[in-house]
Amino acid sequence: MAEMKMPVFTVRLSSGEQLTVTVTQAAQVAWDLERAKRQWPVMDQATSLWASFVVWNQARRDGQIDKNQPFESFSDQVMSLEYQEPVAVGD
C-alpha cells in the first residue's frame, strides 16, 4: 500500500497571525461536498479556492480559528498560503 500524505500549509492572515495547518481527509471530503453544492470548479481549475477552503475547514476543526467564522470572511483575511512538505500518515 502506498504511503498516504497530508498537505501542510503555512497561512499568513491580515492580522499578522501565522497558522500551520495540516489538512486531513475530512477537510478534503468537505471540499468535495461543498464544491458540488456551490458548483465550484474542480481543484485543478481553482487551486487557490481549494487551498483556502481546506485550510479554513481544517483550522476550524483544529480550533485554530473560530468554528463560526464563515469561509468568505476567512478567505478575505488570508494574505498568503504557502504549501509545505506533506506529512506522512502512519500505517
Protein backbone atom coordinates (compact mmCIF):
# COMPACT_ATOMS: atom_id res chain seq x y z
CA MET A 1 0.00 0.00 0.00
CA ALA A 2 1.31 3.46 -0.95
CA GLU A 3 2.16 5.84 1.86
CA MET A 4 -0.53 8.48 2.33
CA LYS A 5 0.44 12.09 2.93
CA MET A 6 -1.48 15.04 4.30
CA PRO A 7 -0.93 18.50 2.79
CA VAL A 8 0.54 21.14 5.12
CA PHE A 9 0.10 24.90 4.64
CA THR A 10 1.56 27.94 6.33
CA VAL A 11 -1.09 30.65 6.33
CA ARG A 12 -0.48 34.36 6.92
CA LEU A 13 -3.54 36.38 7.91
CA SER A 14 -4.09 40.13 7.58
CA SER A 15 -3.92 40.37 11.40
CA GLY A 16 -0.27 39.25 11.21
CA GLU A 17 -1.13 35.87 12.71
CA GLN A 18 0.52 32.83 11.12
CA LEU A 19 -1.05 29.36 11.20
CA THR A 20 0.37 25.99 10.27
CA VAL A 21 -2.43 23.72 9.11
CA THR A 22 -2.16 20.00 8.32
CA VAL A 23 -5.12 19.12 6.12
CA THR A 24 -6.83 15.81 6.90
CA GLN A 25 -9.03 13.66 4.71
CA ALA A 26 -12.13 15.05 6.45
CA ALA A 27 -11.36 18.59 5.23
CA GLN A 28 -10.77 17.33 1.70
CA VAL A 29 -14.10 15.47 1.71
CA ALA A 30 -15.77 18.65 2.98
CA TRP A 31 -14.28 20.41 -0.08
CA ASP A 32 -15.73 17.79 -2.43
CA LEU A 33 -19.19 18.14 -0.90
CA GLU A 34 -19.15 21.96 -0.79
CA ARG A 35 -17.71 22.22 -4.30
CA ALA A 36 -20.56 20.16 -5.70
CA LYS A 37 -23.17 22.10 -3.72
CA ARG A 38 -21.86 25.52 -4.85
CA GLN A 39 -20.95 24.34 -8.36
CA TRP A 40 -17.34 25.44 -7.91
CA PRO A 41 -14.69 24.24 -10.38
CA VAL A 42 -12.58 21.18 -9.61
CA MET A 43 -9.40 21.58 -7.58
CA ASP A 44 -7.09 21.64 -10.62
CA GLN A 45 -9.02 24.59 -12.06
CA ALA A 46 -9.27 26.56 -8.80
CA THR A 47 -6.22 25.71 -6.69
CA SER A 48 -6.34 28.89 -4.59
CA LEU A 49 -10.03 28.36 -3.82
CA TRP A 50 -9.36 24.70 -2.91
CA ALA A 51 -6.40 25.58 -0.68
CA SER A 52 -8.27 28.37 1.09
CA PHE A 53 -11.29 26.15 1.69
CA VAL A 54 -9.46 23.08 3.02
CA VAL A 55 -7.25 25.25 5.24
CA TRP A 56 -10.32 27.09 6.59
CA ASN A 57 -12.17 23.83 7.20
CA GLN A 58 -9.20 22.19 8.94
CA ALA A 59 -8.32 25.27 11.01
CA ARG A 60 -11.91 25.28 12.32
CA ARG A 61 -11.70 21.56 13.13
CA ASP A 62 -8.40 22.09 14.98
CA GLY A 63 -9.65 25.13 16.91
CA GLN A 64 -7.09 27.45 15.29
CA ILE A 65 -9.88 29.81 14.21
CA ASP A 66 -13.43 30.39 15.43
CA LYS A 67 -15.69 27.49 14.39
CA ASN A 68 -18.39 30.03 13.44
CA GLN A 69 -16.20 32.09 11.09
CA PRO A 70 -17.66 31.89 7.58
CA PHE A 71 -15.40 30.76 4.75
CA GLU A 72 -15.75 34.05 2.88
CA SER A 73 -14.61 36.02 5.97
CA PHE A 74 -11.58 33.76 6.45
CA SER A 75 -10.69 33.89 2.77
CA ASP A 76 -10.75 37.71 2.85
CA GLN A 77 -8.21 37.66 5.71
CA VAL A 78 -5.70 35.32 4.01
CA MET A 79 -2.66 37.22 2.79
CA SER A 80 -0.75 34.13 1.66
CA LEU A 81 -0.94 30.35 1.64
CA GLU A 82 2.36 28.53 1.35
CA TYR A 83 2.39 24.81 0.60
CA GLN A 84 4.86 22.86 2.77
CA GLU A 85 6.24 19.34 2.58
CA PRO A 86 3.33 16.88 3.15
CA VAL A 87 3.21 14.89 6.36
CA ALA A 88 3.15 11.08 6.11
CA VAL A 89 0.20 9.28 7.69
CA GLY A 90 1.03 6.25 9.86
CA ASP A 91 0.24 2.70 8.81
